Amino acid sequence: MIPRIKSVKPMNNFVLQVVFDDGKGVLYNVENDIDTIPSYQDLKTIPGLFNQVQLDPSRTCVFWNDMIDLASDTIYEYGEAENGSN
């Protein structure tokens, strides 16, 4: 089953704070993606773009524009668990 995102919040240093429907909370560092995926570099070069992260209607993806998105299962699997979450 694809994990659904309850909330997403941009933090400092290109980190997303994400909470899933099952209560799991993670911190996902987008900087690694920025360094390896060419289209993600706009998140560093366009001032304020990173803070404009949005949750898609299906709640299975976050996105910044038509070229930059991130699947919930990637965030769920590779995000660092926050203290006190499942």
C-alpha atoms as a PDB file:
ATOM      1  CA  MET A   1       0.000   0.000   0.000  1.00  0.00           C
ATOM      2  CA  ILE A   2       1.261   3.464  -0.868  1.00  0.00           C
ATOM      3  CA  PRO A   3       1.725   5.584   2.265  1.00  0.00           C
ATOM      4  CA  ARG A   4      -0.433   8.705   2.357  1.00  0.00           C
ATOM      5  CA  ILE A   5       0.966  11.972   3.663  1.00  0.00           C
ATOM      6  CA  LYS A   6      -0.966  13.811   6.358  1.00  0.00           C
ATOM      7  CA  SER A   7       1.243  16.926   6.417  1.00  0.00           C
ATOM      8  CA  VAL A   8       4.449  18.307   4.953  1.00  0.00           C
ATOM      9  CA  LYS A   9       6.469  21.256   6.215  1.00  0.00           C
ATOM     10  CA  PRO A  10       9.663  22.726   4.725  1.00  0.00           C
ATOM     11  CA  MET A  11      12.472  23.132   7.260  1.00  0.00           C
ATOM     12  CA  ASN A  12      15.957  24.663   7.111  1.00  0.00           C
ATOM     13  CA  ASN A  13      18.713  23.169   4.940  1.00  0.00           C
ATOM     14  CA  PHE A  14      16.369  21.542   2.399  1.00  0.00           C
ATOM     15  CA  VAL A  15      14.744  19.185   4.895  1.00  0.00           C
ATOM     16  CA  LEU A  16      11.058  18.236   4.788  1.00  0.00           C
ATOM     17  CA  GLN A  17       9.177  17.318   7.936  1.00  0.00           C
ATOM     18  CA  VAL A  18       6.542  14.788   6.879  1.00  0.00           C
ATOM     19  CA  VAL A  19       3.806  13.058   8.876  1.00  0.00           C
ATOM     20  CA  PHE A  20       1.964  10.063   7.410  1.00  0.00           C
ATOM     21  CA  ASP A  21      -1.566   8.807   8.068  1.00  0.00           C
ATOM     22  CA  ASP A  22      -0.188   5.906  10.153  1.00  0.00           C
ATOM     23  CA  GLY A  23       1.431   8.409  12.527  1.00  0.00           C
ATOM     24  CA  LYS A  24       4.998   7.927  11.326  1.00  0.00           C
ATOM     25  CA  GLY A  25       6.921  11.205  11.241  1.00  0.00           C
ATOM     26  CA  VAL A  26      10.140  11.594   9.261  1.00  0.00           C
ATOM     27  CA  LEU A  27      12.678  14.191   8.257  1.00  0.00           C
ATOM     28  CA  TYR A  28      13.636  13.829   4.608  1.00  0.00           C
ATOM     29  CA  ASN A  29      16.751  15.611   3.352  1.00  0.00           C
ATOM     30  CA  VAL A  30      16.109  16.739  -0.224  1.00  0.00           C
ATOM     31  CA  GLU A  31      19.690  17.985  -0.635  1.00  0.00           C
ATOM     32  CA  ASN A  32      20.903  14.565  -1.843  1.00  0.00           C
ATOM     33  CA  ASP A  33      18.257  14.655  -4.583  1.00  0.00           C
ATOM     34  CA  ILE A  34      19.190  18.237  -5.459  1.00  0.00           C
ATOM     35  CA  ASP A  35      22.817  17.154  -5.936  1.00  0.00           C
ATOM     36  CA  THR A  36      21.970  14.132  -8.136  1.00  0.00           C
ATOM     37  CA  ILE A  37      18.816  15.045 -10.095  1.00  0.00           C
ATOM     38  CA  PRO A  38      19.340  17.973 -12.494  1.00  0.00           C
ATOM     39  CA  SER A  39      15.750  19.306 -12.372  1.00  0.00           C
ATOM     40  CA  TYR A  40      15.889  19.495  -8.553  1.00  0.00           C
ATOM     41  CA  GLN A  41      18.710  22.081  -8.707  1.00  0.00           C
ATOM     42  CA  ASP A  42      16.053  24.794  -9.109  1.00  0.00           C
ATOM     43  CA  LEU A  43      15.246  24.230  -5.423  1.00  0.00           C
ATOM     44  CA  LYS A  44      18.634  25.770  -4.607  1.00  0.00           C
ATOM     45  CA  THR A  45      18.898  28.341  -7.384  1.00  0.00           C
ATOM     46  CA  ILE A  46      15.379  29.857  -7.277  1.00  0.00           C
ATOM     47  CA  PRO A  47      14.979  31.789  -4.005  1.00  0.00           C
ATOM     48  CA  GLY A  48      12.013  30.622  -1.936  1.00  0.00           C
ATOM     49  CA  LEU A  49      11.016  27.721  -4.207  1.00  0.00           C
ATOM     50  CA  PHE A  50      11.802  25.023  -1.628  1.00  0.00           C
ATOM     51  CA  ASN A  51       9.405  26.630   0.862  1.00  0.00           C
ATOM     52  CA  GLN A  52       6.572  26.401  -1.698  1.00  0.00           C
ATOM     53  CA  VAL A  53       6.287  22.601  -1.347  1.00  0.00           C
ATOM     54  CA  GLN A  54       2.738  21.315  -1.848  1.00  0.00           C
ATOM     55  CA  LEU A  55       0.907  18.052  -1.270  1.00  0.00           C
ATOM     56  CA  ASP A  56      -0.880  16.600  -4.288  1.00  0.00           C
ATOM     57  CA  PRO A  57      -4.616  15.754  -3.964  1.00  0.00           C
ATOM     58  CA  SER A  58      -3.946  11.992  -3.712  1.00  0.00           C
ATOM     59  CA  ARG A  59      -1.552  12.681  -0.789  1.00  0.00           C
ATOM     60  CA  THR A  60       0.982  10.260  -2.320  1.00  0.00           C
ATOM     61  CA  CYS A  61       3.378  12.900  -3.621  1.00  0.00           C
ATOM     62  CA  VAL A  62       4.798  16.298  -2.746  1.00  0.00           C
ATOM     63  CA  PHE A  63       5.749  18.736  -5.473  1.00  0.00           C
ATOM     64  CA  TRP A  64       7.173  22.164  -6.147  1.00  0.00           C
ATOM     65  CA  ASN A  65       6.362  22.618  -9.841  1.00  0.00           C
ATOM     66  CA  ASP A  66       5.694  20.556 -12.979  1.00  0.00           C
ATOM     67  CA  MET A  67       9.293  19.319 -13.051  1.00  0.00           C
ATOM     68  CA  ILE A  68      10.005  18.578  -9.370  1.00  0.00           C
ATOM     69  CA  ASP A  69       8.068  16.041  -7.339  1.00  0.00           C
ATOM     70  CA  LEU A  70       8.802  13.393  -4.743  1.00  0.00           C
ATOM     71  CA  ALA A  71       6.811  10.210  -4.104  1.00  0.00           C
ATOM     72  CA  SER A  72       5.498   9.457  -0.627  1.00  0.00           C
ATOM     73  CA  ASP A  73       6.936   5.929  -0.614  1.00  0.00           C
ATOM     74  CA  THR A  74      10.439   7.337  -1.155  1.00  0.00           C
ATOM     75  CA  ILE A  75       9.998   9.767   1.737  1.00  0.00           C
ATOM     76  CA  TYR A  76       8.540   7.003   3.934  1.00  0.00           C
ATOM     77  CA  GLU A  77      11.384   4.564   3.218  1.00  0.00           C
ATOM     78  CA  TYR A  78      14.358   6.918   3.223  1.00  0.00           C
ATOM     79  CA  GLY A  79      13.305   9.617   5.678  1.00  0.00           C
ATOM     80  CA  GLU A  80      14.865   9.634   9.153  1.00  0.00           C
ATOM     81  CA  ALA A  81      12.301   8.801  11.835  1.00  0.00           C
ATOM     82  CA  GLU A  82      11.553  11.665  14.193  1.00  0.00           C
ATOM     83  CA  ASN A  83      11.735  11.019  17.918  1.00  0.00           C
ATOM     84  CA  GLY A  84       8.392   9.931  19.316  1.00  0.00           C
ATOM     85  CA  SER A  85       6.907   8.711  16.013  1.00  0.00           C
ATOM     86  CA  ASN A  86       6.112   5.137  14.989  1.00  0.00           C
END
